[in-house]
Amino acid sequence: MANFIVTYDLNGPHPSHKEMDDHLQRLTARRGRVLESVWWVSYPGTAAALRDQLKTILGAEDLLLVIEAKSAAWTKLLVKNDSFIEAWNKAA
């Protein structure tokens, strides 16, 4: 498993943020929203493979960025720090 940062801008009527959240949850059990439209995702494949899984729900006007992350630093996140640190370390 690798750690990925996924961020997106939804510019059309579909998917909604809820639909995108649900789609991410179906892809992996280990994920968390770290900022409003930024997710941490533990995924067994490559950034390109994760992108391909995510873009199946996106419209032509939507934007998506998937980054494999080796290290991170933060101040406050939407997820609880302790659970995020534990999950990050398990995926690294």
N, C-alpha and C. Protein backbone atom coordinates (compact mmCIF):
# COMPACT_ATOMS: atom_id res chain seq x y z
N MET A 1 0.85 -1.18 0.00
CA MET A 1 0.00 0.00 0.00
C MET A 1 0.88 1.23 0.00
N ALA A 2 0.41 2.26 -0.67
CA ALA A 2 1.10 3.54 -0.69
C ALA A 2 0.14 4.62 -0.23
N ASN A 3 0.70 5.73 0.24
CA ASN A 3 -0.09 6.89 0.64
C ASN A 3 -0.25 7.82 -0.56
N PHE A 4 -1.48 8.25 -0.79
CA PHE A 4 -1.76 9.20 -1.87
C PHE A 4 -2.55 10.37 -1.32
N ILE A 5 -2.32 11.53 -1.91
CA ILE A 5 -3.15 12.70 -1.67
C ILE A 5 -3.98 12.90 -2.93
N VAL A 6 -5.28 12.98 -2.74
CA VAL A 6 -6.22 13.15 -3.84
C VAL A 6 -6.96 14.47 -3.61
N THR A 7 -6.94 15.32 -4.61
CA THR A 7 -7.69 16.56 -4.53
C THR A 7 -8.43 16.78 -5.84
N TYR A 8 -9.56 17.45 -5.76
CA TYR A 8 -10.39 17.61 -6.95
C TYR A 8 -11.21 18.88 -6.85
N ASP A 9 -11.62 19.39 -8.01
CA ASP A 9 -12.60 20.46 -8.13
C ASP A 9 -13.75 19.89 -8.95
N LEU A 10 -14.93 19.93 -8.37
CA LEU A 10 -16.12 19.45 -9.05
C LEU A 10 -16.84 20.66 -9.63
N ASN A 11 -16.84 20.78 -10.94
CA ASN A 11 -17.36 21.98 -11.60
C ASN A 11 -18.69 21.78 -12.32
N GLY A 12 -19.18 20.57 -12.38
CA GLY A 12 -20.44 20.29 -13.05
C GLY A 12 -21.50 19.84 -12.06
N PRO A 13 -22.66 19.45 -12.56
CA PRO A 13 -23.74 19.02 -11.67
C PRO A 13 -23.49 17.65 -11.04
N HIS A 14 -22.69 16.83 -11.70
CA HIS A 14 -22.38 15.50 -11.17
C HIS A 14 -20.92 15.19 -11.43
N PRO A 15 -20.26 14.56 -10.52
CA PRO A 15 -20.79 14.07 -9.24
C PRO A 15 -20.90 15.20 -8.22
N SER A 16 -21.73 14.97 -7.24
CA SER A 16 -21.79 15.87 -6.09
C SER A 16 -20.63 15.51 -5.17
N HIS A 17 -20.37 16.35 -4.18
CA HIS A 17 -19.32 16.01 -3.21
C HIS A 17 -19.66 14.71 -2.48
N LYS A 18 -20.92 14.51 -2.18
CA LYS A 18 -21.34 13.26 -1.52
C LYS A 18 -21.07 12.06 -2.42
N GLU A 19 -21.39 12.17 -3.70
CA GLU A 19 -21.13 11.06 -4.63
C GLU A 19 -19.64 10.78 -4.75
N MET A 20 -18.82 11.82 -4.76
CA MET A 20 -17.37 11.63 -4.82
C MET A 20 -16.87 10.99 -3.54
N ASP A 21 -17.36 11.43 -2.39
CA ASP A 21 -16.98 10.82 -1.12
C ASP A 21 -17.33 9.33 -1.10
N ASP A 22 -18.53 9.00 -1.53
CA ASP A 22 -18.97 7.60 -1.57
C ASP A 22 -18.10 6.78 -2.52
N HIS A 23 -17.73 7.34 -3.65
CA HIS A 23 -16.88 6.66 -4.62
C HIS A 23 -15.51 6.36 -4.01
N LEU A 24 -14.93 7.31 -3.32
CA LEU A 24 -13.64 7.10 -2.65
C LEU A 24 -13.75 6.01 -1.59
N GLN A 25 -14.84 6.00 -0.87
CA GLN A 25 -15.03 5.01 0.19
C GLN A 25 -15.17 3.60 -0.39
N ARG A 26 -15.72 3.47 -1.58
CA ARG A 26 -15.83 2.15 -2.21
C ARG A 26 -14.48 1.64 -2.70
N LEU A 27 -13.55 2.54 -3.00
CA LEU A 27 -12.24 2.15 -3.54
C LEU A 27 -11.31 1.58 -2.48
N THR A 28 -11.39 2.08 -1.27
CA THR A 28 -10.45 1.65 -0.24
C THR A 28 -11.04 1.84 1.15
N ALA A 29 -10.68 0.94 2.04
CA ALA A 29 -11.15 1.04 3.42
C ALA A 29 -10.33 2.06 4.21
N ARG A 30 -9.13 2.36 3.74
CA ARG A 30 -8.23 3.26 4.46
C ARG A 30 -8.14 4.59 3.71
N ARG A 31 -8.89 5.58 4.19
CA ARG A 31 -8.91 6.89 3.60
C ARG A 31 -9.48 7.86 4.60
N GLY A 32 -9.25 9.13 4.37
CA GLY A 32 -9.82 10.15 5.23
C GLY A 32 -9.75 11.51 4.56
N ARG A 33 -10.78 12.28 4.78
CA ARG A 33 -10.81 13.64 4.26
C ARG A 33 -9.92 14.47 5.17
N VAL A 34 -8.88 15.08 4.60
CA VAL A 34 -7.96 15.87 5.41
C VAL A 34 -8.25 17.37 5.30
N LEU A 35 -8.78 17.80 4.16
CA LEU A 35 -9.26 19.16 3.96
C LEU A 35 -10.54 19.08 3.14
N GLU A 36 -11.17 20.17 2.83
CA GLU A 36 -12.51 20.14 2.23
C GLU A 36 -12.62 19.25 1.00
N SER A 37 -11.75 19.39 0.04
CA SER A 37 -11.79 18.49 -1.13
C SER A 37 -10.43 17.83 -1.34
N VAL A 38 -9.80 17.49 -0.22
CA VAL A 38 -8.50 16.80 -0.24
C VAL A 38 -8.62 15.56 0.64
N TRP A 39 -8.23 14.43 0.09
CA TRP A 39 -8.30 13.16 0.80
C TRP A 39 -6.92 12.53 0.89
N TRP A 40 -6.67 11.82 1.97
CA TRP A 40 -5.57 10.89 2.07
C TRP A 40 -6.16 9.52 1.75
N VAL A 41 -5.48 8.77 0.90
CA VAL A 41 -5.95 7.45 0.49
C VAL A 41 -4.79 6.47 0.55
N SER A 42 -4.99 5.35 1.19
CA SER A 42 -4.06 4.23 1.13
C SER A 42 -4.55 3.32 0.01
N TYR A 43 -3.69 3.08 -0.97
CA TYR A 43 -4.12 2.37 -2.18
C TYR A 43 -3.00 1.43 -2.64
N PRO A 44 -3.34 0.21 -3.09
CA PRO A 44 -2.30 -0.75 -3.45
C PRO A 44 -1.65 -0.54 -4.81
N GLY A 45 -2.19 0.35 -5.62
CA GLY A 45 -1.66 0.55 -6.96
C GLY A 45 -0.86 1.83 -7.10
N THR A 46 -0.75 2.29 -8.32
CA THR A 46 0.01 3.50 -8.64
C THR A 46 -0.91 4.72 -8.62
N ALA A 47 -0.30 5.89 -8.72
CA ALA A 47 -1.07 7.12 -8.81
C ALA A 47 -1.94 7.10 -10.06
N ALA A 48 -1.39 6.61 -11.17
CA ALA A 48 -2.16 6.54 -12.42
C ALA A 48 -3.35 5.59 -12.29
N ALA A 49 -3.15 4.46 -11.61
CA ALA A 49 -4.25 3.51 -11.43
C ALA A 49 -5.35 4.10 -10.55
N LEU A 50 -4.95 4.79 -9.49
CA LEU A 50 -5.95 5.44 -8.63
C LEU A 50 -6.68 6.53 -9.40
N ARG A 51 -5.94 7.34 -10.17
CA ARG A 51 -6.56 8.36 -11.02
C ARG A 51 -7.60 7.74 -11.94
N ASP A 52 -7.24 6.62 -12.57
CA ASP A 52 -8.16 5.98 -13.51
C ASP A 52 -9.42 5.49 -12.81
N GLN A 53 -9.29 5.01 -11.57
CA GLN A 53 -10.46 4.58 -10.80
C GLN A 53 -11.34 5.77 -10.44
N LEU A 54 -10.71 6.87 -10.06
CA LEU A 54 -11.47 8.05 -9.64
C LEU A 54 -12.13 8.77 -10.80
N LYS A 55 -11.47 8.82 -11.93
CA LYS A 55 -12.01 9.62 -13.05
C LYS A 55 -13.25 8.99 -13.68
N THR A 56 -13.55 7.74 -13.33
CA THR A 56 -14.75 7.11 -13.90
C THR A 56 -16.03 7.81 -13.47
N ILE A 57 -15.98 8.53 -12.37
CA ILE A 57 -17.18 9.22 -11.87
C ILE A 57 -17.19 10.70 -12.27
N LEU A 58 -16.08 11.22 -12.75
CA LEU A 58 -15.96 12.65 -13.03
C LEU A 58 -16.53 13.05 -14.38
N GLY A 59 -16.98 14.29 -14.46
CA GLY A 59 -17.40 14.86 -15.72
C GLY A 59 -16.23 15.51 -16.42
N ALA A 60 -16.40 15.88 -17.68
CA ALA A 60 -15.33 16.49 -18.48
C ALA A 60 -14.86 17.81 -17.90
N GLU A 61 -15.70 18.50 -17.14
CA GLU A 61 -15.35 19.80 -16.58
C GLU A 61 -14.69 19.72 -15.21
N ASP A 62 -14.60 18.53 -14.63
CA ASP A 62 -14.02 18.35 -13.31
C ASP A 62 -12.50 18.21 -13.38
N LEU A 63 -11.84 18.57 -12.29
CA LEU A 63 -10.39 18.52 -12.19
C LEU A 63 -9.98 17.51 -11.12
N LEU A 64 -8.85 16.85 -11.31
CA LEU A 64 -8.39 15.81 -10.39
C LEU A 64 -6.88 15.80 -10.35
N LEU A 65 -6.32 15.66 -9.14
CA LEU A 65 -4.88 15.52 -8.96
C LEU A 65 -4.64 14.41 -7.95
N VAL A 66 -3.80 13.43 -8.31
CA VAL A 66 -3.44 12.32 -7.44
C VAL A 66 -1.92 12.36 -7.29
N ILE A 67 -1.45 12.40 -6.05
CA ILE A 67 -0.02 12.49 -5.75
C ILE A 67 0.35 11.38 -4.79
N GLU A 68 1.39 10.61 -5.12
CA GLU A 68 1.92 9.65 -4.15
C GLU A 68 2.76 10.43 -3.15
N ALA A 69 2.50 10.21 -1.87
CA ALA A 69 3.15 10.99 -0.82
C ALA A 69 4.04 10.09 0.04
N LYS A 70 5.27 10.50 0.21
CA LYS A 70 6.23 9.75 1.02
C LYS A 70 6.35 10.31 2.44
N SER A 71 6.09 11.59 2.60
CA SER A 71 6.13 12.20 3.93
C SER A 71 5.12 13.34 3.96
N ALA A 72 4.79 13.78 5.17
CA ALA A 72 3.80 14.84 5.31
C ALA A 72 4.03 15.59 6.61
N ALA A 73 3.58 16.82 6.63
CA ALA A 73 3.57 17.65 7.84
C ALA A 73 2.30 18.49 7.80
N TRP A 74 1.71 18.76 8.94
CA TRP A 74 0.45 19.49 8.97
C TRP A 74 0.27 20.18 10.30
N THR A 75 -0.75 21.04 10.35
CA THR A 75 -1.12 21.69 11.60
C THR A 75 -2.41 21.06 12.11
N LYS A 76 -3.52 21.31 11.44
CA LYS A 76 -4.81 20.72 11.81
C LYS A 76 -5.44 20.12 10.57
N LEU A 77 -6.15 19.03 10.76
CA LEU A 77 -6.84 18.36 9.66
C LEU A 77 -8.26 18.05 10.08
N LEU A 78 -9.08 17.67 9.12
CA LEU A 78 -10.45 17.27 9.42
C LEU A 78 -10.51 15.89 10.07
N VAL A 79 -9.48 15.06 9.86
CA VAL A 79 -9.42 13.76 10.53
C VAL A 79 -8.68 13.93 11.84
N LYS A 80 -8.88 13.00 12.77
CA LYS A 80 -8.19 13.06 14.04
C LYS A 80 -6.72 12.75 13.84
N ASN A 81 -5.85 13.55 14.41
CA ASN A 81 -4.41 13.40 14.22
C ASN A 81 -3.90 12.00 14.56
N ASP A 82 -4.30 11.45 15.71
CA ASP A 82 -3.79 10.14 16.12
C ASP A 82 -4.16 9.05 15.13
N SER A 83 -5.41 9.03 14.69
CA SER A 83 -5.83 7.99 13.76
C SER A 83 -5.16 8.19 12.40
N PHE A 84 -4.97 9.43 11.99
CA PHE A 84 -4.31 9.71 10.71
C PHE A 84 -2.85 9.28 10.77
N ILE A 85 -2.15 9.61 11.83
CA ILE A 85 -0.74 9.23 11.97
C ILE A 85 -0.60 7.72 11.95
N GLU A 86 -1.44 7.01 12.66
CA GLU A 86 -1.39 5.55 12.69
C GLU A 86 -1.65 4.96 11.30
N ALA A 87 -2.67 5.45 10.63
CA ALA A 87 -3.00 4.93 9.29
C ALA A 87 -1.88 5.27 8.29
N TRP A 88 -1.35 6.48 8.38
CA TRP A 88 -0.26 6.90 7.48
C TRP A 88 0.94 5.97 7.64
N ASN A 89 1.30 5.73 8.88
CA ASN A 89 2.47 4.89 9.15
C ASN A 89 2.27 3.45 8.70
N LYS A 90 1.07 2.93 8.79
CA LYS A 90 0.79 1.57 8.34
C LYS A 90 0.89 1.46 6.82
N ALA A 91 0.51 2.52 6.12
CA ALA A 91 0.53 2.48 4.66
C ALA A 91 1.92 2.77 4.10
N ALA A 92 2.72 3.47 4.87
CA ALA A 92 4.07 3.86 4.36
C ALA A 92 5.01 2.67 4.27
